[in-house]
Structure formats: structure tokens, C-alpha cells
Amino acid sequence: MLVIETHIVKTISNPLRFQEYGVGIFKTIITKSALKKAIKKNRILINGFPATTGKIINGNEKIELLYIEKETTNNRLKLNLEVLYEDQYLAIIYKPSGILVSGNRFVTITNALSQNLIKSTFLDTVKPQPIHRLDYATSGVLLIGKTANALMELGKLFENKKVQKKYFAVTIGKMKQEGIINSKIDNKEAITQYLVIKSVNSARFGILNLVLVTPKTGRKHQIRKHLFTINHPILGDKKYFLEGLLHTGKGMYLHAENISFTHPLTQKTISISKKLPPKFDKIFNKT
């Protein structure tokens, strides 16, 4: 077991049950359901003892979040991943469309990471974990943490909006050349900038556009929702689509092309790109 994060409770006037107090005190546990799962798996200690949801927090307690290596089994996932960058702290891999980043399924990116990455030699090495998510149908670059410190520092970069991501999408309908979509998602600020790179005529969809998309915030389904709200949904999006314009073949045309940031532990400038999948080229005859 390895302590990933430590939280010291300040003096509080009104005691609280831990299931109320504990939400959000750790960067990787931001919901009540996630907190309950961590408690159930004995990943949280309060003053050295396993936490319970009903534990009363009075103030000055030491609360620790543990990393517990999962038991290995003979039924290991065999999934080769393309590693675009790797060092002792982190890695960037290519996530194909049609695979979950994480979840209850056996075939996930998370389950395949240990067999595709070199284990860090640092003392705080952990099982590699994705720092952010890409939707099931989205392809592209995915950032991975390999040590406890890296996971924490990379999380801070995202929290402070210090990570820049660029996506390419194929959208439906004639669009303005460029624009900024600024409409809230789940009552939270959400900003997406876009630039139309190329457009072609389509017998079925009228016009298809290759669009460079730069999200300035990181809300769930942000790009998909924002493009849908301006009536230019992403080709192949089965959740956000216009009546009669649902494309059911070849998946969704959304690709995370680039991720850029300053390495929080080496201060090296990192900028990693992955070219568009062939299905994009077939539409726009790219060479």
C-alpha cells in the first residue's frame, strides 16, 4: 500500500459524518459515489484506521488516500497500444475509437496500460492511470500518469487549465469560418473555439467540414454538445444528432489530435500529436 494523498482536517465548528466531509478533499475522488467505493475498498485511512461513511469528523484528523495494487490474474488483457511518448513519470498513448478508457468492462485502456508501458523505477510508482477521459467513440492522444506524484501534479495542470488540447471533427452543414461557442454545460462555464479547415459537398449531408476544435474548458461531452447546439453536429455522433442526419457507419468523427503542456516534474515542454485516422482522409482526400 502506498499513500497517494494526505489531508489534515482543520478545526471545524460542526462535526460531520465522513461521507459528507470527504467529498472533494482528494483530487481523484470528487463525487459521493467515488468516495463510497474508495471506503469500501479500504483505500482511505482516518488517523491510521480504515474509514467508514459514518465516522464523525471533529477536526484535526489525518486522512490518507491509499493506492492498492490490484491482484493479477491469468486472464490478462492482451491489447497493444501505440505509445507516443514515455518517461519515468508519465506517458501519452493513442486511444483508438471504440474502446473505453476505463469502466467495468474487461477491455479498457486502463486495463491494458501496465502491459504496454515501462514501470517507473521511482518509489512512488503506481499502476498507470489516465489523467483525463476520451469518449468511447473518440480517438486520439491520452495522457497517463505513472507515479503518485505525477498523478497529483498532472491533475493540478488540468485543474488550472494549463493543458492545451486540439481536436479535429467532421461536422454537418455550412458553417461560419470560425467562431467561439460560449454556452454553459450543467450550469458551468464552457467555451469552445473552432476553425473550419476544409469543406466538401456531400450528397446526403449537404456539406461536411473538417474543423479544428480547441476547448478552453473541460466539460463532459463539451465539443459534441457545443457543435450540436449551433446545429452542426459531429458526423457519426449517435447521441447528439439532427433528425434525418444520423450516420451509423465508421463511428464518430472526433479525434484528439494534440496535447501540449509543461512537464510538471522536468519542466520540459511536451507537445504530442497523432495524425487523423484514415476515415477522415477518405472524406477530404488528404495526402
C-alpha atoms as a PDB file:
ATOM      1  CA  MET A   1       0.000   0.000   0.000  1.00  0.00           C
ATOM      2  CA  LEU A   2       1.158   3.495  -0.866  1.00  0.00           C
ATOM      3  CA  VAL A   3      -0.175   6.822   0.405  1.00  0.00           C
ATOM      4  CA  ILE A   4      -1.124   8.940  -2.635  1.00  0.00           C
ATOM      5  CA  GLU A   5      -2.609  11.974  -0.873  1.00  0.00           C
ATOM      6  CA  THR A   6      -2.856  13.216   2.708  1.00  0.00           C
ATOM      7  CA  HIS A   7      -5.471  15.614   4.062  1.00  0.00           C
ATOM      8  CA  ILE A   8      -5.373  17.241   7.504  1.00  0.00           C
ATOM      9  CA  VAL A   9      -8.758  18.363   8.795  1.00  0.00           C
ATOM     10  CA  LYS A  10      -8.824  21.922  10.058  1.00  0.00           C
ATOM     11  CA  THR A  11     -10.713  22.948  13.167  1.00  0.00           C
ATOM     12  CA  ILE A  12     -14.441  22.760  12.388  1.00  0.00           C
ATOM     13  CA  SER A  13     -17.329  24.133  14.428  1.00  0.00           C
ATOM     14  CA  ASN A  14     -19.881  21.475  13.496  1.00  0.00           C
ATOM     15  CA  PRO A  15     -18.868  17.783  13.369  1.00  0.00           C
ATOM     16  CA  LEU A  16     -19.752  15.978  10.124  1.00  0.00           C
ATOM     17  CA  ARG A  17     -20.108  12.382   9.020  1.00  0.00           C
ATOM     18  CA  PHE A  18     -17.199  11.421   6.785  1.00  0.00           C
ATOM     19  CA  GLN A  19     -19.467  10.657   3.827  1.00  0.00           C
ATOM     20  CA  GLU A  20     -20.383  14.355   3.853  1.00  0.00           C
ATOM     21  CA  TYR A  21     -16.976  15.794   4.715  1.00  0.00           C
ATOM     22  CA  GLY A  22     -14.861  13.576   2.463  1.00  0.00           C
ATOM     23  CA  VAL A  23     -16.257  14.542  -0.951  1.00  0.00           C
ATOM     24  CA  GLY A  24     -13.656  16.631  -2.779  1.00  0.00           C
ATOM     25  CA  ILE A  25     -10.814  16.505  -0.261  1.00  0.00           C
ATOM     26  CA  PHE A  26      -8.834  14.298  -2.667  1.00  0.00           C
ATOM     27  CA  LYS A  27      -8.287  15.283  -6.296  1.00  0.00           C
ATOM     28  CA  THR A  28      -9.193  11.844  -7.614  1.00  0.00           C
ATOM     29  CA  ILE A  29     -12.373  11.464  -5.520  1.00  0.00           C
ATOM     30  CA  ILE A  30     -14.809  14.222  -6.375  1.00  0.00           C
ATOM     31  CA  THR A  31     -18.206  12.525  -6.019  1.00  0.00           C
ATOM     32  CA  LYS A  32     -20.009  10.829  -3.160  1.00  0.00           C
ATOM     33  CA  SER A  33     -20.221   7.548  -5.109  1.00  0.00           C
ATOM     34  CA  ALA A  34     -16.456   7.584  -5.716  1.00  0.00           C
ATOM     35  CA  LEU A  35     -15.878   8.229  -2.017  1.00  0.00           C
ATOM     36  CA  LYS A  36     -18.073   5.269  -1.045  1.00  0.00           C
ATOM     37  CA  LYS A  37     -16.194   2.995  -3.465  1.00  0.00           C
ATOM     38  CA  ALA A  38     -12.846   4.059  -2.010  1.00  0.00           C
ATOM     39  CA  ILE A  39     -14.111   3.441   1.533  1.00  0.00           C
ATOM     40  CA  LYS A  40     -15.447   0.011   0.551  1.00  0.00           C
ATOM     41  CA  LYS A  41     -12.059  -0.924  -0.894  1.00  0.00           C
ATOM     42  CA  ASN A  42     -10.292   0.262   2.319  1.00  0.00           C
ATOM     43  CA  ARG A  43      -8.382   2.902   0.379  1.00  0.00           C
ATOM     44  CA  ILE A  44      -8.965   5.630   2.987  1.00  0.00           C
ATOM     45  CA  LEU A  45      -7.492   5.782   6.485  1.00  0.00           C
ATOM     46  CA  ILE A  46      -8.553   8.190   9.227  1.00  0.00           C
ATOM     47  CA  ASN A  47      -5.854   8.503  11.888  1.00  0.00           C
ATOM     48  CA  GLY A  48      -4.449   5.196  10.688  1.00  0.00           C
ATOM     49  CA  PHE A  49      -7.737   3.236  10.756  1.00  0.00           C
ATOM     50  CA  PRO A  50      -9.985   2.289   7.835  1.00  0.00           C
ATOM     51  CA  ALA A  51     -12.617   4.956   7.182  1.00  0.00           C
ATOM     52  CA  THR A  52     -16.363   4.386   7.356  1.00  0.00           C
ATOM     53  CA  THR A  53     -19.141   6.544   5.949  1.00  0.00           C
ATOM     54  CA  GLY A  54     -20.496   7.166   9.437  1.00  0.00           C
ATOM     55  CA  LYS A  55     -17.200   8.182  11.036  1.00  0.00           C
ATOM     56  CA  ILE A  56     -17.650  11.557  12.726  1.00  0.00           C
ATOM     57  CA  ILE A  57     -15.101  14.191  11.738  1.00  0.00           C
ATOM     58  CA  ASN A  58     -14.455  16.609  14.616  1.00  0.00           C
ATOM     59  CA  GLY A  59     -11.314  18.367  13.405  1.00  0.00           C
ATOM     60  CA  ASN A  60      -7.537  17.777  13.238  1.00  0.00           C
ATOM     61  CA  GLU A  61      -7.865  14.240  11.833  1.00  0.00           C
ATOM     62  CA  LYS A  62      -5.253  12.909   9.420  1.00  0.00           C
ATOM     63  CA  ILE A  63      -6.953  11.382   6.378  1.00  0.00           C
ATOM     64  CA  GLU A  64      -4.905   9.359   3.889  1.00  0.00           C
ATOM     65  CA  LEU A  65      -5.767   8.030   0.438  1.00  0.00           C
ATOM     66  CA  LEU A  66      -4.042   4.761  -0.426  1.00  0.00           C
ATOM     67  CA  TYR A  67      -3.082   3.180  -3.703  1.00  0.00           C
ATOM     68  CA  ILE A  68      -3.641  -0.576  -3.625  1.00  0.00           C
ATOM     69  CA  GLU A  69      -2.267  -2.686  -6.467  1.00  0.00           C
ATOM     70  CA  LYS A  70      -4.934  -4.941  -7.928  1.00  0.00           C
ATOM     71  CA  GLU A  71      -4.348  -8.645  -7.812  1.00  0.00           C
ATOM     72  CA  THR A  72      -3.160 -10.044 -11.114  1.00  0.00           C
ATOM     73  CA  THR A  73      -4.961 -12.907 -12.793  1.00  0.00           C
ATOM     74  CA  ASN A  74      -4.134 -15.303 -15.593  1.00  0.00           C
ATOM     75  CA  ASN A  75      -6.909 -13.744 -17.666  1.00  0.00           C
ATOM     76  CA  ARG A  76      -4.859 -10.676 -18.614  1.00  0.00           C
ATOM     77  CA  LEU A  77      -5.977  -8.313 -21.333  1.00  0.00           C
ATOM     78  CA  LYS A  78      -3.908  -8.523 -24.497  1.00  0.00           C
ATOM     79  CA  LEU A  79      -4.286  -5.162 -26.201  1.00  0.00           C
ATOM     80  CA  ASN A  80      -1.375  -3.493 -27.945  1.00  0.00           C
ATOM     81  CA  LEU A  81      -1.366   0.286 -27.553  1.00  0.00           C
ATOM     82  CA  GLU A  82       0.673   2.796 -29.536  1.00  0.00           C
ATOM     83  CA  VAL A  83       2.916   4.686 -27.117  1.00  0.00           C
ATOM     84  CA  LEU A  84       3.612   8.190 -28.452  1.00  0.00           C
ATOM     85  CA  TYR A  85       5.745   9.423 -25.532  1.00  0.00           C
ATOM     86  CA  GLU A  86       7.006   7.934 -22.275  1.00  0.00           C
ATOM     87  CA  ASP A  87       9.323   8.811 -19.406  1.00  0.00           C
ATOM     88  CA  GLN A  88       9.616   7.793 -15.745  1.00  0.00           C
ATOM     89  CA  TYR A  89       6.658   9.960 -14.717  1.00  0.00           C
ATOM     90  CA  LEU A  90       4.097   9.856 -17.488  1.00  0.00           C
ATOM     91  CA  ALA A  91       3.168   8.561 -20.901  1.00  0.00           C
ATOM     92  CA  ILE A  92       0.994   9.605 -23.817  1.00  0.00           C
ATOM     93  CA  ILE A  93      -0.709   6.856 -25.786  1.00  0.00           C
ATOM     94  CA  TYR A  94      -3.017   6.656 -28.771  1.00  0.00           C
ATOM     95  CA  LYS A  95      -6.548   5.613 -27.901  1.00  0.00           C
ATOM     96  CA  PRO A  96      -8.421   4.072 -30.838  1.00  0.00           C
ATOM     97  CA  SER A  97     -12.135   4.739 -31.210  1.00  0.00           C
ATOM     98  CA  GLY A  98     -14.452   2.021 -29.956  1.00  0.00           C
ATOM     99  CA  ILE A  99     -12.618   1.351 -26.670  1.00  0.00           C
ATOM    100  CA  LEU A 100     -13.496   2.647 -23.219  1.00  0.00           C
ATOM    101  CA  VAL A 101     -10.808   4.487 -21.279  1.00  0.00           C
ATOM    102  CA  SER A 102     -11.997   2.872 -18.038  1.00  0.00           C
ATOM    103  CA  GLY A 103     -15.048   1.246 -16.531  1.00  0.00           C
ATOM    104  CA  ASN A 104     -16.472  -2.128 -15.610  1.00  0.00           C
ATOM    105  CA  ARG A 105     -15.655  -3.818 -18.921  1.00  0.00           C
ATOM    106  CA  PHE A 106     -12.612  -6.052 -19.293  1.00  0.00           C
ATOM    107  CA  VAL A 107     -11.411  -4.396 -22.488  1.00  0.00           C
ATOM    108  CA  THR A 108     -10.420  -0.878 -21.438  1.00  0.00           C
ATOM    109  CA  ILE A 109      -7.384   1.308 -21.996  1.00  0.00           C
ATOM    110  CA  THR A 110      -6.725   1.347 -18.245  1.00  0.00           C
ATOM    111  CA  ASN A 111      -6.542  -2.443 -18.059  1.00  0.00           C
ATOM    112  CA  ALA A 112      -4.046  -2.546 -20.933  1.00  0.00           C
ATOM    113  CA  LEU A 113      -1.647   0.144 -19.722  1.00  0.00           C
ATOM    114  CA  SER A 114       0.613  -1.941 -17.469  1.00  0.00           C
ATOM    115  CA  GLN A 115       1.474  -4.310 -20.304  1.00  0.00           C
ATOM    116  CA  ASN A 116       2.266  -1.514 -22.733  1.00  0.00           C
ATOM    117  CA  LEU A 117       4.267   0.873 -20.548  1.00  0.00           C
ATOM    118  CA  ILE A 118       7.607   0.568 -18.749  1.00  0.00           C
ATOM    119  CA  LYS A 119       7.167   0.561 -14.981  1.00  0.00           C
ATOM    120  CA  SER A 120       8.692   3.596 -13.289  1.00  0.00           C
ATOM    121  CA  THR A 121      11.696   2.919 -11.043  1.00  0.00           C
ATOM    122  CA  PHE A 122      10.691   5.646  -8.578  1.00  0.00           C
ATOM    123  CA  LEU A 123       9.487   4.662  -5.107  1.00  0.00           C
ATOM    124  CA  ASP A 124       6.025   6.166  -5.658  1.00  0.00           C
ATOM    125  CA  THR A 125       5.389   4.123  -8.799  1.00  0.00           C
ATOM    126  CA  VAL A 126       1.737   3.122  -9.216  1.00  0.00           C
ATOM    127  CA  LYS A 127      -0.354   1.263 -11.740  1.00  0.00           C
ATOM    128  CA  PRO A 128      -0.572   3.654 -14.730  1.00  0.00           C
ATOM    129  CA  GLN A 129      -3.762   5.709 -14.734  1.00  0.00           C
ATOM    130  CA  PRO A 130      -5.336   8.040 -17.338  1.00  0.00           C
ATOM    131  CA  ILE A 131      -5.393  11.694 -16.250  1.00  0.00           C
ATOM    132  CA  HIS A 132      -8.416  12.597 -18.363  1.00  0.00           C
ATOM    133  CA  ARG A 133     -11.013  10.863 -20.499  1.00  0.00           C
ATOM    134  CA  LEU A 134     -11.882  10.440 -24.140  1.00  0.00           C
ATOM    135  CA  ASP A 135     -15.327   9.210 -25.089  1.00  0.00           C
ATOM    136  CA  TYR A 136     -15.787   5.621 -26.273  1.00  0.00           C
ATOM    137  CA  ALA A 137     -16.149   6.692 -29.919  1.00  0.00           C
ATOM    138  CA  THR A 138     -13.392   9.332 -29.829  1.00  0.00           C
ATOM    139  CA  SER A 139      -9.849   8.553 -30.945  1.00  0.00           C
ATOM    140  CA  GLY A 140      -6.645  10.378 -30.120  1.00  0.00           C
ATOM    141  CA  VAL A 141      -3.948  11.244 -27.605  1.00  0.00           C
ATOM    142  CA  LEU A 142      -4.435  10.277 -23.964  1.00  0.00           C
ATOM    143  CA  LEU A 143      -2.231  11.381 -21.040  1.00  0.00           C
ATOM    144  CA  ILE A 144      -1.217   8.756 -18.466  1.00  0.00           C
ATOM    145  CA  GLY A 145       0.361   9.137 -15.007  1.00  0.00           C
ATOM    146  CA  LYS A 146       2.885   6.519 -13.815  1.00  0.00           C
ATOM    147  CA  THR A 147       3.746   7.732 -10.302  1.00  0.00           C
ATOM    148  CA  ALA A 148       1.674   9.051  -7.402  1.00  0.00           C
ATOM    149  CA  ASN A 149       3.370  12.435  -7.613  1.00  0.00           C
ATOM    150  CA  ALA A 150       2.846  12.649 -11.362  1.00  0.00           C
ATOM    151  CA  LEU A 151      -0.849  11.823 -10.999  1.00  0.00           C
ATOM    152  CA  MET A 152      -1.244  14.608  -8.471  1.00  0.00           C
ATOM    153  CA  GLU A 153       0.769  17.211 -10.406  1.00  0.00           C
ATOM    154  CA  LEU A 154      -0.842  16.424 -13.748  1.00  0.00           C
ATOM    155  CA  GLY A 155      -4.237  16.688 -12.082  1.00  0.00           C
ATOM    156  CA  LYS A 156      -3.285  20.180 -10.945  1.00  0.00           C
ATOM    157  CA  LEU A 157      -2.379  21.139 -14.515  1.00  0.00           C
ATOM    158  CA  PHE A 158      -5.856  20.193 -15.697  1.00  0.00           C
ATOM    159  CA  GLU A 159      -7.471  21.912 -12.748  1.00  0.00           C
ATOM    160  CA  ASN A 160      -5.572  25.120 -13.507  1.00  0.00           C
ATOM    161  CA  LYS A 161      -6.253  24.878 -17.262  1.00  0.00           C
ATOM    162  CA  LYS A 162      -2.556  24.513 -18.086  1.00  0.00           C
ATOM    163  CA  VAL A 163      -3.092  21.693 -20.593  1.00  0.00           C
ATOM    164  CA  GLN A 164      -3.921  22.604 -24.191  1.00  0.00           C
ATOM    165  CA  LYS A 165      -5.788  20.108 -26.357  1.00  0.00           C
ATOM    166  CA  LYS A 166      -6.671  20.260 -30.046  1.00  0.00           C
ATOM    167  CA  TYR A 167      -9.293  18.131 -31.730  1.00  0.00           C
ATOM    168  CA  PHE A 168     -10.426  17.586 -35.284  1.00  0.00           C
ATOM    169  CA  ALA A 169     -14.084  16.916 -36.005  1.00  0.00           C
ATOM    170  CA  VAL A 170     -16.156  16.351 -39.121  1.00  0.00           C
ATOM    171  CA  THR A 171     -19.316  18.431 -38.836  1.00  0.00           C
ATOM    172  CA  ILE A 172     -22.512  18.612 -40.865  1.00  0.00           C
ATOM    173  CA  GLY A 173     -23.847  21.732 -42.632  1.00  0.00           C
ATOM    174  CA  LYS A 174     -22.460  25.035 -43.885  1.00  0.00           C
ATOM    175  CA  MET A 175     -20.585  26.763 -41.044  1.00  0.00           C
ATOM    176  CA  LYS A 176     -19.057  30.146 -40.364  1.00  0.00           C
ATOM    177  CA  GLN A 177     -15.318  30.020 -40.993  1.00  0.00           C
ATOM    178  CA  GLU A 178     -14.519  30.397 -37.310  1.00  0.00           C
ATOM    179  CA  GLY A 179     -16.202  31.086 -34.029  1.00  0.00           C
ATOM    180  CA  ILE A 180     -16.372  30.713 -30.284  1.00  0.00           C
ATOM    181  CA  ILE A 181     -19.172  28.781 -28.616  1.00  0.00           C
ATOM    182  CA  ASN A 182     -19.817  30.033 -25.114  1.00  0.00           C
ATOM    183  CA  SER A 183     -22.797  28.272 -23.572  1.00  0.00           C
ATOM    184  CA  LYS A 184     -22.965  26.670 -20.163  1.00  0.00           C
ATOM    185  CA  ILE A 185     -22.976  22.915 -19.678  1.00  0.00           C
ATOM    186  CA  ASP A 186     -24.588  21.620 -16.483  1.00  0.00           C
ATOM    187  CA  ASN A 187     -24.715  25.258 -15.298  1.00  0.00           C
ATOM    188  CA  LYS A 188     -20.924  25.570 -15.588  1.00  0.00           C
ATOM    189  CA  GLU A 189     -18.892  27.800 -17.884  1.00  0.00           C
ATOM    190  CA  ALA A 190     -17.952  26.050 -21.129  1.00  0.00           C
ATOM    191  CA  ILE A 191     -16.017  27.615 -24.009  1.00  0.00           C
ATOM    192  CA  THR A 192     -15.081  26.037 -27.327  1.00  0.00           C
ATOM    193  CA  GLN A 193     -13.188  27.705 -30.175  1.00  0.00           C
ATOM    194  CA  TYR A 194     -13.389  26.325 -33.722  1.00  0.00           C
ATOM    195  CA  LEU A 195     -11.905  26.934 -37.177  1.00  0.00           C
ATOM    196  CA  VAL A 196     -13.158  25.359 -40.404  1.00  0.00           C
ATOM    197  CA  ILE A 197     -10.146  23.932 -42.267  1.00  0.00           C
ATOM    198  CA  LYS A 198     -11.895  22.455 -45.306  1.00  0.00           C
ATOM    199  CA  SER A 199     -15.403  21.771 -46.586  1.00  0.00           C
ATOM    200  CA  VAL A 200     -16.705  19.348 -49.210  1.00  0.00           C
ATOM    201  CA  ASN A 201     -20.099  18.721 -50.743  1.00  0.00           C
ATOM    202  CA  SER A 202     -21.991  15.613 -49.652  1.00  0.00           C
ATOM    203  CA  ALA A 203     -24.947  14.032 -51.442  1.00  0.00           C
ATOM    204  CA  ARG A 204     -26.546  13.012 -48.154  1.00  0.00           C
ATOM    205  CA  PHE A 205     -25.418  15.666 -45.684  1.00  0.00           C
ATOM    206  CA  GLY A 206     -25.142  18.700 -47.944  1.00  0.00           C
ATOM    207  CA  ILE A 207     -21.766  19.883 -46.659  1.00  0.00           C
ATOM    208  CA  LEU A 208     -19.169  18.180 -44.478  1.00  0.00           C
ATOM    209  CA  ASN A 209     -16.495  20.241 -42.723  1.00  0.00           C
ATOM    210  CA  LEU A 210     -13.100  19.379 -41.300  1.00  0.00           C
ATOM    211  CA  VAL A 211     -12.997  21.542 -38.178  1.00  0.00           C
ATOM    212  CA  LEU A 212     -10.137  22.277 -35.799  1.00  0.00           C
ATOM    213  CA  VAL A 213     -11.640  22.495 -32.311  1.00  0.00           C
ATOM    214  CA  THR A 214      -9.900  23.938 -29.251  1.00  0.00           C
ATOM    215  CA  PRO A 215     -11.799  23.517 -25.981  1.00  0.00           C
ATOM    216  CA  LYS A 216     -10.965  26.149 -23.372  1.00  0.00           C
ATOM    217  CA  THR A 217     -12.773  24.249 -20.622  1.00  0.00           C
ATOM    218  CA  GLY A 218     -13.247  20.536 -19.986  1.00  0.00           C
ATOM    219  CA  ARG A 219     -16.908  19.675 -19.521  1.00  0.00           C
ATOM    220  CA  LYS A 220     -18.351  16.243 -20.252  1.00  0.00           C
ATOM    221  CA  HIS A 221     -19.192  15.891 -23.963  1.00  0.00           C
ATOM    222  CA  GLN A 222     -18.328  19.574 -24.357  1.00  0.00           C
ATOM    223  CA  ILE A 223     -17.290  19.543 -28.019  1.00  0.00           C
ATOM    224  CA  ARG A 224     -20.152  17.281 -29.027  1.00  0.00           C
ATOM    225  CA  LYS A 225     -22.747  19.315 -27.164  1.00  0.00           C
ATOM    226  CA  HIS A 226     -21.436  22.686 -28.314  1.00  0.00           C
ATOM    227  CA  LEU A 227     -21.342  21.781 -32.002  1.00  0.00           C
ATOM    228  CA  PHE A 228     -24.819  20.305 -31.703  1.00  0.00           C
ATOM    229  CA  THR A 229     -26.175  23.492 -30.092  1.00  0.00           C
ATOM    230  CA  ILE A 230     -25.143  25.528 -33.173  1.00  0.00           C
ATOM    231  CA  ASN A 231     -26.816  22.927 -35.431  1.00  0.00           C
ATOM    232  CA  HIS A 232     -23.566  21.470 -36.760  1.00  0.00           C
ATOM    233  CA  PRO A 233     -23.320  18.077 -35.027  1.00  0.00           C
ATOM    234  CA  ILE A 234     -20.377  15.746 -35.449  1.00  0.00           C
ATOM    235  CA  LEU A 235     -20.746  13.136 -38.164  1.00  0.00           C
ATOM    236  CA  GLY A 236     -21.495   9.758 -36.593  1.00  0.00           C
ATOM    237  CA  ASP A 237     -22.485  11.106 -33.156  1.00  0.00           C
ATOM    238  CA  LYS A 238     -25.336   8.833 -32.082  1.00  0.00           C
ATOM    239  CA  LYS A 239     -26.276  10.923 -29.054  1.00  0.00           C
ATOM    240  CA  TYR A 240     -26.257  14.484 -30.374  1.00  0.00           C
ATOM    241  CA  PHE A 241     -27.650  14.483 -33.929  1.00  0.00           C
ATOM    242  CA  LEU A 242     -30.224  16.215 -36.106  1.00  0.00           C
ATOM    243  CA  GLU A 243     -33.305  14.372 -37.350  1.00  0.00           C
ATOM    244  CA  GLY A 244     -32.542  12.500 -40.578  1.00  0.00           C
ATOM    245  CA  LEU A 245     -28.800  13.179 -40.409  1.00  0.00           C
ATOM    246  CA  LEU A 246     -27.604  10.262 -38.294  1.00  0.00           C
ATOM    247  CA  HIS A 247     -24.604   8.482 -39.802  1.00  0.00           C
ATOM    248  CA  THR A 248     -24.371   4.931 -38.450  1.00  0.00           C
ATOM    249  CA  GLY A 249     -21.200   3.662 -40.129  1.00  0.00           C
ATOM    250  CA  LYS A 250     -17.499   4.134 -39.289  1.00  0.00           C
ATOM    251  CA  GLY A 251     -18.158   5.509 -35.791  1.00  0.00           C
ATOM    252  CA  MET A 252     -17.930   9.133 -34.694  1.00  0.00           C
ATOM    253  CA  TYR A 253     -15.619  11.571 -36.458  1.00  0.00           C
ATOM    254  CA  LEU A 254     -13.932  13.206 -33.478  1.00  0.00           C
ATOM    255  CA  HIS A 255     -10.176  12.906 -32.929  1.00  0.00           C
ATOM    256  CA  ALA A 256      -7.955  14.329 -30.162  1.00  0.00           C
ATOM    257  CA  GLU A 257      -5.034  15.365 -32.355  1.00  0.00           C
ATOM    258  CA  ASN A 258      -2.665  17.144 -29.963  1.00  0.00           C
ATOM    259  CA  ILE A 259      -1.924  17.651 -26.275  1.00  0.00           C
ATOM    260  CA  SER A 260       0.579  20.255 -25.038  1.00  0.00           C
ATOM    261  CA  PHE A 261       1.772  21.220 -21.557  1.00  0.00           C
ATOM    262  CA  THR A 262       4.837  21.926 -19.461  1.00  0.00           C
ATOM    263  CA  HIS A 263       6.002  18.746 -17.769  1.00  0.00           C
ATOM    264  CA  PRO A 264       5.332  19.446 -14.072  1.00  0.00           C
ATOM    265  CA  LEU A 265       8.333  17.430 -12.870  1.00  0.00           C
ATOM    266  CA  THR A 266      11.013  18.090 -15.511  1.00  0.00           C
ATOM    267  CA  GLN A 267       9.736  21.476 -16.819  1.00  0.00           C
ATOM    268  CA  LYS A 268      10.175  20.135 -20.347  1.00  0.00           C
ATOM    269  CA  THR A 269       7.738  21.393 -22.993  1.00  0.00           C
ATOM    270  CA  ILE A 270       5.637  18.446 -24.140  1.00  0.00           C
ATOM    271  CA  SER A 271       3.631  18.609 -27.373  1.00  0.00           C
ATOM    272  CA  ILE A 272       2.470  15.298 -28.845  1.00  0.00           C
ATOM    273  CA  SER A 273       0.292  14.845 -31.912  1.00  0.00           C
ATOM    274  CA  LYS A 274      -1.354  11.906 -33.640  1.00  0.00           C
ATOM    275  CA  LYS A 275      -2.416  12.251 -37.269  1.00  0.00           C
ATOM    276  CA  LEU A 276      -6.014  11.821 -38.333  1.00  0.00           C
ATOM    277  CA  PRO A 277      -7.340   8.294 -38.820  1.00  0.00           C
ATOM    278  CA  PRO A 278      -7.765   7.139 -42.446  1.00  0.00           C
ATOM    279  CA  LYS A 279     -11.562   7.567 -42.332  1.00  0.00           C
ATOM    280  CA  PHE A 280     -11.057  11.362 -42.167  1.00  0.00           C
ATOM    281  CA  ASP A 281      -8.736  11.276 -45.191  1.00  0.00           C
ATOM    282  CA  LYS A 282     -11.294   9.407 -47.268  1.00  0.00           C
ATOM    283  CA  ILE A 283     -13.760  12.285 -46.898  1.00  0.00           C
ATOM    284  CA  PHE A 284     -11.364  15.120 -47.635  1.00  0.00           C
ATOM    285  CA  ASN A 285      -8.866  13.355 -49.918  1.00  0.00           C
ATOM    286  CA  LYS A 286      -5.964  14.366 -47.686  1.00  0.00           C
ATOM    287  CA  THR A 287      -2.485  13.198 -48.665  1.00  0.00           C
END
